[in-house]
């Protein structure tokens, strides 16, 4: 399998993954690294960053940031009411106690 086949399957709905745990992001990154190592037939001692740079492939976290930013910037132009940004009031306390990944989006 090559990257063109894996990334669409892995990144389906990635625009809303800003709320997922760091562990889940790491797992996706490990999977992508293994696939890239297999595709280029790289030995174990080659740094993953070198492979990503040579293939011009962003790490998962960077891809999610770009994808999310692009998606949420398009929402105001879409007339579908289901896709409009929900109202958010920071004064309302959240009952959520889990740690999330903050991509700064």
PDB file of N, CA and C in Angstrom:
ATOM      1  N   UNK A   1       0.844  -1.184   0.000  1.00  0.00           N
ATOM      2  CA  UNK A   1       0.000   0.000   0.000  1.00  0.00           C
ATOM      3  C   UNK A   1       0.883   1.239   0.000  1.00  0.00           C
ATOM      4  N   UNK A   2       0.421   2.257  -0.647  1.00  0.00           N
ATOM      5  CA  UNK A   2       1.196   3.484  -0.613  1.00  0.00           C
ATOM      6  C   UNK A   2       0.419   4.586   0.097  1.00  0.00           C
ATOM      7  N   UNK A   3       1.071   5.715   0.245  1.00  0.00           N
ATOM      8  CA  UNK A   3       0.507   6.826   1.022  1.00  0.00           C
ATOM      9  C   UNK A   3      -0.793   7.343   0.424  1.00  0.00           C
ATOM     10  N   UNK A   4      -0.925   7.295  -0.893  1.00  0.00           N
ATOM     11  CA  UNK A   4      -2.149   7.783  -1.524  1.00  0.00           C
ATOM     12  C   UNK A   4      -3.365   6.972  -1.105  1.00  0.00           C
ATOM     13  N   UNK A   5      -3.155   5.731  -0.730  1.00  0.00           N
ATOM     14  CA  UNK A   5      -4.267   4.885  -0.306  1.00  0.00           C
ATOM     15  C   UNK A   5      -4.522   4.992   1.192  1.00  0.00           C
ATOM     16  N   UNK A   6      -3.488   5.181   1.990  1.00  0.00           N
ATOM     17  CA  UNK A   6      -3.629   5.184   3.447  1.00  0.00           C
ATOM     18  C   UNK A   6      -4.154   6.489   4.015  1.00  0.00           C
ATOM     19  N   UNK A   7      -3.644   7.586   3.561  1.00  0.00           N
ATOM     20  CA  UNK A   7      -4.002   8.860   4.187  1.00  0.00           C
ATOM     21  C   UNK A   7      -5.498   9.154   4.112  1.00  0.00           C
ATOM     22  N   UNK A   8      -6.179   8.975   2.976  1.00  0.00           N
ATOM     23  CA  UNK A   8      -7.619   9.253   2.984  1.00  0.00           C
ATOM     24  C   UNK A   8      -8.377   8.399   3.994  1.00  0.00           C
ATOM     25  N   UNK A   9      -8.019   7.152   4.132  1.00  0.00           N
ATOM     26  CA  UNK A   9      -8.705   6.282   5.091  1.00  0.00           C
ATOM     27  C   UNK A   9      -8.395   6.697   6.521  1.00  0.00           C
ATOM     28  N   UNK A  10      -7.163   7.058   6.791  1.00  0.00           N
ATOM     29  CA  UNK A  10      -6.768   7.443   8.148  1.00  0.00           C
ATOM     30  C   UNK A  10      -7.336   8.797   8.544  1.00  0.00           C
ATOM     31  N   UNK A  11      -7.445   9.696   7.600  1.00  0.00           N
ATOM     32  CA  UNK A  11      -7.787  11.071   7.928  1.00  0.00           C
ATOM     33  C   UNK A  11      -9.251  11.429   7.691  1.00  0.00           C
ATOM     34  N   UNK A  12     -10.083  10.465   7.478  1.00  0.00           N
ATOM     35  CA  UNK A  12     -11.507  10.720   7.287  1.00  0.00           C
ATOM     36  C   UNK A  12     -12.066  11.418   8.529  1.00  0.00           C
ATOM     37  N   UNK A  13     -12.582  12.616   8.359  1.00  0.00           N
ATOM     38  CA  UNK A  13     -13.136  13.366   9.484  1.00  0.00           C
ATOM     39  C   UNK A  13     -12.097  13.984  10.388  1.00  0.00           C
ATOM     40  N   UNK A  14     -10.878  14.134   9.912  1.00  0.00           N
ATOM     41  CA  UNK A  14      -9.801  14.631  10.777  1.00  0.00           C
ATOM     42  C   UNK A  14      -9.985  16.084  11.195  1.00  0.00           C
ATOM     43  N   UNK A  15     -10.892  16.796  10.548  1.00  0.00           N
ATOM     44  CA  UNK A  15     -11.100  18.199  10.893  1.00  0.00           C
ATOM     45  C   UNK A  15     -11.567  18.373  12.329  1.00  0.00           C
ATOM     46  N   UNK A  16     -12.224  17.386  12.869  1.00  0.00           N
ATOM     47  CA  UNK A  16     -12.754  17.509  14.230  1.00  0.00           C
ATOM     48  C   UNK A  16     -11.903  16.745  15.240  1.00  0.00           C
ATOM     49  N   UNK A  17     -10.711  16.350  14.861  1.00  0.00           N
ATOM     50  CA  UNK A  17      -9.859  15.575  15.747  1.00  0.00           C
ATOM     51  C   UNK A  17      -9.080  16.431  16.728  1.00  0.00           C
ATOM     52  N   UNK A  18      -9.323  17.712  16.784  1.00  0.00           N
ATOM     53  CA  UNK A  18      -8.647  18.558  17.756  1.00  0.00           C
ATOM     54  C   UNK A  18      -9.000  18.168  19.177  1.00  0.00           C
ATOM     55  N   UNK A  19     -10.099  17.447  19.333  1.00  0.00           N
ATOM     56  CA  UNK A  19     -10.553  17.040  20.664  1.00  0.00           C
ATOM     57  C   UNK A  19     -10.079  15.643  21.043  1.00  0.00           C
ATOM     58  N   UNK A  20      -9.307  15.015  20.209  1.00  0.00           N
ATOM     59  CA  UNK A  20      -8.849  13.659  20.522  1.00  0.00           C
ATOM     60  C   UNK A  20      -7.609  13.706  21.412  1.00  0.00           C
ATOM     61  N   UNK A  21      -7.282  12.588  21.975  1.00  0.00           N
ATOM     62  CA  UNK A  21      -6.132  12.535  22.883  1.00  0.00           C
ATOM     63  C   UNK A  21      -4.819  12.508  22.107  1.00  0.00           C
ATOM     64  N   UNK A  22      -3.776  12.910  22.792  1.00  0.00           N
ATOM     65  CA  UNK A  22      -2.441  12.881  22.203  1.00  0.00           C
ATOM     66  C   UNK A  22      -2.048  11.451  21.857  1.00  0.00           C
ATOM     67  N   UNK A  23      -2.496  10.496  22.648  1.00  0.00           N
ATOM     68  CA  UNK A  23      -2.187   9.086  22.398  1.00  0.00           C
ATOM     69  C   UNK A  23      -2.738   8.640  21.053  1.00  0.00           C
ATOM     70  N   UNK A  24      -3.955   9.049  20.728  1.00  0.00           N
ATOM     71  CA  UNK A  24      -4.540   8.669  19.441  1.00  0.00           C
ATOM     72  C   UNK A  24      -3.772   9.281  18.277  1.00  0.00           C
ATOM     73  N   UNK A  25      -3.348  10.521  18.436  1.00  0.00           N
ATOM     74  CA  UNK A  25      -2.551  11.169  17.388  1.00  0.00           C
ATOM     75  C   UNK A  25      -1.232  10.422  17.220  1.00  0.00           C
ATOM     76  N   UNK A  26      -0.601  10.057  18.329  1.00  0.00           N
ATOM     77  CA  UNK A  26       0.658   9.305  18.269  1.00  0.00           C
ATOM     78  C   UNK A  26       0.474   7.964  17.572  1.00  0.00           C
ATOM     79  N   UNK A  27      -0.616   7.290  17.855  1.00  0.00           N
ATOM     80  CA  UNK A  27      -0.872   5.990  17.216  1.00  0.00           C
ATOM     81  C   UNK A  27      -1.003   6.135  15.703  1.00  0.00           C
ATOM     82  N   UNK A  28      -1.706   7.174  15.271  1.00  0.00           N
ATOM     83  CA  UNK A  28      -1.817   7.417  13.835  1.00  0.00           C
ATOM     84  C   UNK A  28      -0.456   7.733  13.227  1.00  0.00           C
ATOM     85  N   UNK A  29       0.357   8.513  13.951  1.00  0.00           N
ATOM     86  CA  UNK A  29       1.686   8.856  13.450  1.00  0.00           C
ATOM     87  C   UNK A  29       2.566   7.616  13.332  1.00  0.00           C
ATOM     88  N   UNK A  30       2.499   6.735  14.307  1.00  0.00           N
ATOM     89  CA  UNK A  30       3.278   5.492  14.264  1.00  0.00           C
ATOM     90  C   UNK A  30       2.844   4.650  13.069  1.00  0.00           C
ATOM     91  N   UNK A  31       1.535   4.555  12.852  1.00  0.00           N
ATOM     92  CA  UNK A  31       1.039   3.788  11.709  1.00  0.00           C
ATOM     93  C   UNK A  31       1.546   4.387  10.400  1.00  0.00           C
ATOM     94  N   UNK A  32       1.461   5.709  10.273  1.00  0.00           N
ATOM     95  CA  UNK A  32       1.942   6.355   9.055  1.00  0.00           C
ATOM     96  C   UNK A  32       3.437   6.114   8.877  1.00  0.00           C
ATOM     97  N   UNK A  33       4.206   6.225   9.958  1.00  0.00           N
ATOM     98  CA  UNK A  33       5.649   5.996   9.874  1.00  0.00           C
ATOM     99  C   UNK A  33       5.957   4.593   9.377  1.00  0.00           C
ATOM    100  N   UNK A  34       5.250   3.605   9.910  1.00  0.00           N
ATOM    101  CA  UNK A  34       5.475   2.219   9.487  1.00  0.00           C
ATOM    102  C   UNK A  34       5.152   2.037   8.012  1.00  0.00           C
ATOM    103  N   UNK A  35       4.057   2.647   7.568  1.00  0.00           N
ATOM    104  CA  UNK A  35       3.676   2.526   6.166  1.00  0.00           C
ATOM    105  C   UNK A  35       4.706   3.182   5.255  1.00  0.00           C
ATOM    106  N   UNK A  36       5.184   4.349   5.643  1.00  0.00           N
ATOM    107  CA  UNK A  36       6.183   5.037   4.826  1.00  0.00           C
ATOM    108  C   UNK A  36       7.493   4.262   4.784  1.00  0.00           C
ATOM    109  N   UNK A  37       7.896   3.709   5.920  1.00  0.00           N
ATOM    110  CA  UNK A  37       9.115   2.891   5.960  1.00  0.00           C
ATOM    111  C   UNK A  37       8.979   1.697   5.011  1.00  0.00           C
ATOM    112  N   UNK A  38       7.808   1.109   4.998  1.00  0.00           N
ATOM    113  CA  UNK A  38       7.558  -0.050   4.137  1.00  0.00           C
ATOM    114  C   UNK A  38       7.553   0.360   2.659  1.00  0.00           C
ATOM    115  N   UNK A  39       6.927   1.483   2.350  1.00  0.00           N
ATOM    116  CA  UNK A  39       6.816   1.936   0.961  1.00  0.00           C
ATOM    117  C   UNK A  39       8.187   2.232   0.366  1.00  0.00           C
ATOM    118  N   UNK A  40       9.040   2.921   1.125  1.00  0.00           N
ATOM    119  CA  UNK A  40      10.353   3.293   0.593  1.00  0.00           C
ATOM    120  C   UNK A  40      11.420   2.249   0.892  1.00  0.00           C
ATOM    121  N   UNK A  41      11.034   1.186   1.604  1.00  0.00           N
ATOM    122  CA  UNK A  41      11.951   0.103   1.947  1.00  0.00           C
ATOM    123  C   UNK A  41      13.184   0.642   2.684  1.00  0.00           C
ATOM    124  N   UNK A  42      12.930   1.518   3.644  1.00  0.00           N
ATOM    125  CA  UNK A  42      14.013   2.151   4.398  1.00  0.00           C
ATOM    126  C   UNK A  42      14.469   1.243   5.535  1.00  0.00           C
ATOM    127  N   UNK A  43      15.769   1.223   5.813  1.00  0.00           N
ATOM    128  CA  UNK A  43      16.251   0.457   6.967  1.00  0.00           C
ATOM    129  C   UNK A  43      15.810   1.115   8.273  1.00  0.00           C
ATOM    130  N   UNK A  44      15.886   0.376   9.354  1.00  0.00           N
ATOM    131  CA  UNK A  44      15.371   0.833  10.647  1.00  0.00           C
ATOM    132  C   UNK A  44      16.065   2.074  11.184  1.00  0.00           C
ATOM    133  N   UNK A  45      17.320   2.312  10.785  1.00  0.00           N
ATOM    134  CA  UNK A  45      18.085   3.417  11.355  1.00  0.00           C
ATOM    135  C   UNK A  45      17.852   4.758  10.650  1.00  0.00           C
ATOM    136  N   UNK A  46      17.052   4.789   9.603  1.00  0.00           N
ATOM    137  CA  UNK A  46      16.757   6.051   8.920  1.00  0.00           C
ATOM    138  C   UNK A  46      15.731   6.823   9.746  1.00  0.00           C
ATOM    139  N   UNK A  47      16.028   8.077  10.003  1.00  0.00           N
ATOM    140  CA  UNK A  47      15.118   8.900  10.805  1.00  0.00           C
ATOM    141  C   UNK A  47      13.804   9.115  10.062  1.00  0.00           C
ATOM    142  N   UNK A  48      12.733   9.112  10.843  1.00  0.00           N
ATOM    143  CA  UNK A  48      11.399   9.293  10.262  1.00  0.00           C
ATOM    144  C   UNK A  48      11.259  10.677   9.637  1.00  0.00           C
ATOM    145  N   UNK A  49      11.894  11.669  10.258  1.00  0.00           N
ATOM    146  CA  UNK A  49      11.823  13.031   9.725  1.00  0.00           C
ATOM    147  C   UNK A  49      12.453  13.108   8.339  1.00  0.00           C
ATOM    148  N   UNK A  50      13.523  12.377   8.116  1.00  0.00           N
ATOM    149  CA  UNK A  50      14.176  12.362   6.807  1.00  0.00           C
ATOM    150  C   UNK A  50      13.222  11.794   5.758  1.00  0.00           C
ATOM    151  N   UNK A  51      12.538  10.720   6.112  1.00  0.00           N
ATOM    152  CA  UNK A  51      11.583  10.109   5.177  1.00  0.00           C
ATOM    153  C   UNK A  51      10.445  11.080   4.885  1.00  0.00           C
ATOM    154  N   UNK A  52       9.903  11.716   5.919  1.00  0.00           N
ATOM    155  CA  UNK A  52       8.822  12.679   5.717  1.00  0.00           C
ATOM    156  C   UNK A  52       9.282  13.840   4.833  1.00  0.00           C
ATOM    157  N   UNK A  53      10.487  14.346   5.087  1.00  0.00           N
ATOM    158  CA  UNK A  53      11.007  15.462   4.297  1.00  0.00           C
ATOM    159  C   UNK A  53      11.245  15.057   2.847  1.00  0.00           C
ATOM    160  N   UNK A  54      11.833  13.884   2.634  1.00  0.00           N
ATOM    161  CA  UNK A  54      12.113  13.421   1.275  1.00  0.00           C
ATOM    162  C   UNK A  54      10.831  13.204   0.472  1.00  0.00           C
ATOM    163  N   UNK A  55       9.806  12.679   1.123  1.00  0.00           N
ATOM    164  CA  UNK A  55       8.542  12.403   0.436  1.00  0.00           C
ATOM    165  C   UNK A  55       7.591  13.599   0.454  1.00  0.00           C
ATOM    166  N   UNK A  56       7.996  14.667   1.144  1.00  0.00           N
ATOM    167  CA  UNK A  56       7.169  15.878   1.276  1.00  0.00           C
ATOM    168  C   UNK A  56       5.794  15.548   1.855  1.00  0.00           C
ATOM    169  N   UNK A  57       5.812  14.786   2.941  1.00  0.00           N
ATOM    170  CA  UNK A  57       4.584  14.394   3.632  1.00  0.00           C
ATOM    171  C   UNK A  57       4.617  14.993   5.030  1.00  0.00           C
ATOM    172  N   UNK A  58       3.541  15.685   5.373  1.00  0.00           N
ATOM    173  CA  UNK A  58       3.441  16.304   6.697  1.00  0.00           C
ATOM    174  C   UNK A  58       3.193  15.252   7.764  1.00  0.00           C
ATOM    175  N   UNK A  59       3.694  15.490   8.971  1.00  0.00           N
ATOM    176  CA  UNK A  59       3.301  14.636  10.093  1.00  0.00           C
ATOM    177  C   UNK A  59       1.788  14.752  10.318  1.00  0.00           C
ATOM    178  N   UNK A  60       1.218  13.765  10.966  1.00  0.00           N
ATOM    179  CA  UNK A  60      -0.226  13.717  11.185  1.00  0.00           C
ATOM    180  C   UNK A  60      -0.733  14.982  11.871  1.00  0.00           C
ATOM    181  N   UNK A  61      -0.062  15.433  12.914  1.00  0.00           N
ATOM    182  CA  UNK A  61      -0.547  16.606  13.653  1.00  0.00           C
ATOM    183  C   UNK A  61      -0.577  17.852  12.766  1.00  0.00           C
ATOM    184  N   UNK A  62       0.437  18.047  11.924  1.00  0.00           N
ATOM    185  CA  UNK A  62       0.444  19.193  11.012  1.00  0.00           C
ATOM    186  C   UNK A  62      -0.664  19.077   9.977  1.00  0.00           C
ATOM    187  N   UNK A  63      -0.874  17.868   9.471  1.00  0.00           N
ATOM    188  CA  UNK A  63      -1.935  17.649   8.493  1.00  0.00           C
ATOM    189  C   UNK A  63      -3.297  17.980   9.097  1.00  0.00           C
ATOM    190  N   UNK A  64      -3.522  17.545  10.333  1.00  0.00           N
ATOM    191  CA  UNK A  64      -4.804  17.805  10.994  1.00  0.00           C
ATOM    192  C   UNK A  64      -4.987  19.305  11.219  1.00  0.00           C
ATOM    193  N   UNK A  65      -3.923  19.997  11.611  1.00  0.00           N
ATOM    194  CA  UNK A  65      -4.010  21.450  11.808  1.00  0.00           C
ATOM    195  C   UNK A  65      -4.433  22.147  10.520  1.00  0.00           C
ATOM    196  N   UNK A  66      -3.742  21.826   9.424  1.00  0.00           N
ATOM    197  CA  UNK A  66      -4.043  22.465   8.144  1.00  0.00           C
ATOM    198  C   UNK A  66      -5.453  22.127   7.676  1.00  0.00           C
ATOM    199  N   UNK A  67      -5.808  20.867   7.779  1.00  0.00           N
ATOM    200  CA  UNK A  67      -7.125  20.413   7.344  1.00  0.00           C
ATOM    201  C   UNK A  67      -8.235  21.069   8.163  1.00  0.00           C
ATOM    202  N   UNK A  68      -8.041  21.145   9.467  1.00  0.00           N
ATOM    203  CA  UNK A  68      -9.047  21.749  10.350  1.00  0.00           C
ATOM    204  C   UNK A  68      -9.205  23.236  10.070  1.00  0.00           C
ATOM    205  N   UNK A  69      -8.096  23.926   9.936  1.00  0.00           N
ATOM    206  CA  UNK A  69      -8.145  25.358   9.662  1.00  0.00           C
ATOM    207  C   UNK A  69      -8.879  25.631   8.357  1.00  0.00           C
ATOM    208  N   UNK A  70      -8.544  24.874   7.339  1.00  0.00           N
ATOM    209  CA  UNK A  70      -9.181  25.025   6.036  1.00  0.00           C
ATOM    210  C   UNK A  70     -10.689  24.764   6.129  1.00  0.00           C
ATOM    211  N   UNK A  71     -11.064  23.692   6.822  1.00  0.00           N
ATOM    212  CA  UNK A  71     -12.468  23.315   6.965  1.00  0.00           C
ATOM    213  C   UNK A  71     -13.255  24.382   7.724  1.00  0.00           C
ATOM    214  N   UNK A  72     -12.744  24.803   8.886  1.00  0.00           N
ATOM    215  CA  UNK A  72     -13.485  25.752   9.709  1.00  0.00           C
ATOM    216  C   UNK A  72     -13.509  27.157   9.106  1.00  0.00           C
ATOM    217  N   UNK A  73     -12.536  27.495   8.276  1.00  0.00           N
ATOM    218  CA  UNK A  73     -12.575  28.785   7.585  1.00  0.00           C
ATOM    219  C   UNK A  73     -13.614  28.801   6.472  1.00  0.00           C
ATOM    220  N   UNK A  74     -13.961  27.639   5.932  1.00  0.00           N
ATOM    221  CA  UNK A  74     -14.970  27.550   4.872  1.00  0.00           C
ATOM    222  C   UNK A  74     -16.399  27.563   5.408  1.00  0.00           C
ATOM    223  N   UNK A  75     -16.588  27.233   6.667  1.00  0.00           N
ATOM    224  CA  UNK A  75     -17.938  27.092   7.224  1.00  0.00           C
ATOM    225  C   UNK A  75     -18.801  28.341   7.037  1.00  0.00           C
ATOM    226  N   UNK A  76     -18.302  29.558   7.264  1.00  0.00           N
ATOM    227  CA  UNK A  76     -19.181  30.727   7.102  1.00  0.00           C
ATOM    228  C   UNK A  76     -19.747  30.888   5.686  1.00  0.00           C
ATOM    229  N   UNK A  77     -19.053  30.392   4.667  1.00  0.00           N
ATOM    230  CA  UNK A  77     -19.541  30.524   3.298  1.00  0.00           C
ATOM    231  C   UNK A  77     -20.570  29.455   2.928  1.00  0.00           C
ATOM    232  N   UNK A  78     -20.704  28.431   3.745  1.00  0.00           N
ATOM    233  CA  UNK A  78     -21.632  27.340   3.453  1.00  0.00           C
ATOM    234  C   UNK A  78     -22.994  27.691   4.026  1.00  0.00           C
ATOM    235  N   UNK A  79     -24.037  27.546   3.218  1.00  0.00           N
ATOM    236  CA  UNK A  79     -25.374  27.930   3.646  1.00  0.00           C
ATOM    237  C   UNK A  79     -26.092  26.835   4.428  1.00  0.00           C
ATOM    238  N   UNK A  80     -25.555  25.648   4.487  1.00  0.00           N
ATOM    239  CA  UNK A  80     -26.181  24.544   5.205  1.00  0.00           C
ATOM    240  C   UNK A  80     -26.169  24.843   6.702  1.00  0.00           C
ATOM    241  N   UNK A  81     -27.353  24.913   7.311  1.00  0.00           N
ATOM    242  CA  UNK A  81     -27.450  25.261   8.725  1.00  0.00           C
ATOM    243  C   UNK A  81     -26.803  24.218   9.629  1.00  0.00           C
ATOM    244  N   UNK A  82     -26.743  22.977   9.183  1.00  0.00           N
ATOM    245  CA  UNK A  82     -26.139  21.921   9.994  1.00  0.00           C
ATOM    246  C   UNK A  82     -24.641  22.134  10.184  1.00  0.00           C
ATOM    247  N   UNK A  83     -24.026  22.863   9.270  1.00  0.00           N
ATOM    248  CA  UNK A  83     -22.581  23.071   9.334  1.00  0.00           C
ATOM    249  C   UNK A  83     -22.187  24.392   9.982  1.00  0.00           C
ATOM    250  N   UNK A  84     -23.138  25.187  10.379  1.00  0.00           N
ATOM    251  CA  UNK A  84     -22.810  26.456  11.017  1.00  0.00           C
ATOM    252  C   UNK A  84     -22.159  26.202  12.370  1.00  0.00           C
ATOM    253  N   UNK A  85     -21.263  27.055  12.730  1.00  0.00           N
ATOM    254  CA  UNK A  85     -20.531  26.924  13.990  1.00  0.00           C
ATOM    255  C   UNK A  85     -21.499  27.077  15.166  1.00  0.00           C
ATOM    256  N   UNK A  86     -21.497  26.116  16.077  1.00  0.00           N
ATOM    257  CA  UNK A  86     -22.410  26.213  17.220  1.00  0.00           C
ATOM    258  C   UNK A  86     -22.002  27.347  18.161  1.00  0.00           C
ATOM    259  N   UNK A  87     -22.981  27.857  18.877  1.00  0.00           N
ATOM    260  CA  UNK A  87     -22.704  28.924  19.838  1.00  0.00           C
ATOM    261  C   UNK A  87     -21.852  28.367  20.973  1.00  0.00           C
ATOM    262  N   UNK A  88     -20.888  29.142  21.385  1.00  0.00           N
ATOM    263  CA  UNK A  88     -20.009  28.722  22.472  1.00  0.00           C
ATOM    264  C   UNK A  88     -19.974  29.829  23.503  1.00  0.00           C
ATOM    265  N   UNK A  89     -20.225  29.472  24.735  1.00  0.00           N
ATOM    266  CA  UNK A  89     -20.194  30.441  25.821  1.00  0.00           C
ATOM    267  C   UNK A  89     -19.166  29.980  26.849  1.00  0.00           C
ATOM    268  N   UNK A  90     -18.015  30.667  26.935  1.00  0.00           N
ATOM    269  CA  UNK A  90     -16.981  30.234  27.879  1.00  0.00           C
ATOM    270  C   UNK A  90     -17.408  30.366  29.335  1.00  0.00           C
ATOM    271  N   UNK A  91     -18.495  31.106  29.596  1.00  0.00           N
ATOM    272  CA  UNK A  91     -18.967  31.261  30.971  1.00  0.00           C
ATOM    273  C   UNK A  91     -19.646  29.996  31.484  1.00  0.00           C
ATOM    274  N   UNK A  92     -20.090  29.138  30.573  1.00  0.00           N
ATOM    275  CA  UNK A  92     -20.738  27.889  30.976  1.00  0.00           C
ATOM    276  C   UNK A  92     -19.645  26.868  31.263  1.00  0.00           C
ATOM    277  N   UNK A  93     -19.562  26.384  32.501  1.00  0.00           N
ATOM    278  CA  UNK A  93     -18.504  25.416  32.830  1.00  0.00           C
ATOM    279  C   UNK A  93     -18.732  24.079  32.126  1.00  0.00           C
ATOM    280  N   UNK A  94     -17.651  23.485  31.736  1.00  0.00           N
ATOM    281  CA  UNK A  94     -17.715  22.193  31.065  1.00  0.00           C
ATOM    282  C   UNK A  94     -17.596  21.073  32.090  1.00  0.00           C
ATOM    283  N   UNK A  95     -18.320  19.997  31.844  1.00  0.00           N
ATOM    284  CA  UNK A  95     -18.220  18.842  32.736  1.00  0.00           C
ATOM    285  C   UNK A  95     -17.165  17.865  32.239  1.00  0.00           C
ATOM    286  N   UNK A  96     -16.477  18.238  31.192  1.00  0.00           N
ATOM    287  CA  UNK A  96     -15.492  17.361  30.575  1.00  0.00           C
ATOM    288  C   UNK A  96     -14.182  17.428  31.352  1.00  0.00           C
ATOM    289  N   UNK A  97     -13.680  16.289  31.764  1.00  0.00           N
ATOM    290  CA  UNK A  97     -12.460  16.244  32.564  1.00  0.00           C
ATOM    291  C   UNK A  97     -11.290  15.596  31.840  1.00  0.00           C
ATOM    292  N   UNK A  98     -11.440  15.235  30.583  1.00  0.00           N
ATOM    293  CA  UNK A  98     -10.373  14.549  29.870  1.00  0.00           C
ATOM    294  C   UNK A  98      -9.410  15.550  29.246  1.00  0.00           C
ATOM    295  N   UNK A  99      -8.185  15.132  29.090  1.00  0.00           N
ATOM    296  CA  UNK A  99      -7.173  15.941  28.441  1.00  0.00           C
ATOM    297  C   UNK A  99      -7.329  15.797  26.940  1.00  0.00           C
ATOM    298  N   UNK A 100      -7.265  16.901  26.228  1.00  0.00           N
ATOM    299  CA  UNK A 100      -7.393  16.855  24.783  1.00  0.00           C
ATOM    300  C   UNK A 100      -6.165  17.467  24.137  1.00  0.00           C
ATOM    301  N   UNK A 101      -5.992  17.172  22.880  1.00  0.00           N
ATOM    302  CA  UNK A 101      -4.910  17.744  22.112  1.00  0.00           C
ATOM    303  C   UNK A 101      -5.354  19.102  21.610  1.00  0.00           C
ATOM    304  N   UNK A 102      -4.584  20.127  21.879  1.00  0.00           N
ATOM    305  CA  UNK A 102      -4.925  21.464  21.435  1.00  0.00           C
ATOM    306  C   UNK A 102      -4.041  21.806  20.250  1.00  0.00           C
ATOM    307  N   UNK A 103      -4.652  21.899  19.081  1.00  0.00           N
ATOM    308  CA  UNK A 103      -3.910  22.233  17.878  1.00  0.00           C
ATOM    309  C   UNK A 103      -3.916  23.727  17.605  1.00  0.00           C
ATOM    310  N   UNK A 104      -4.514  24.494  18.493  1.00  0.00           N
ATOM    311  CA  UNK A 104      -4.524  25.935  18.321  1.00  0.00           C
ATOM    312  C   UNK A 104      -5.416  26.403  17.194  1.00  0.00           C
ATOM    313  N   UNK A 105      -6.420  25.629  16.855  1.00  0.00           N
ATOM    314  CA  UNK A 105      -7.333  26.006  15.773  1.00  0.00           C
ATOM    315  C   UNK A 105      -8.476  26.781  16.344  1.00  0.00           C
TER     316      UNK A 105
END
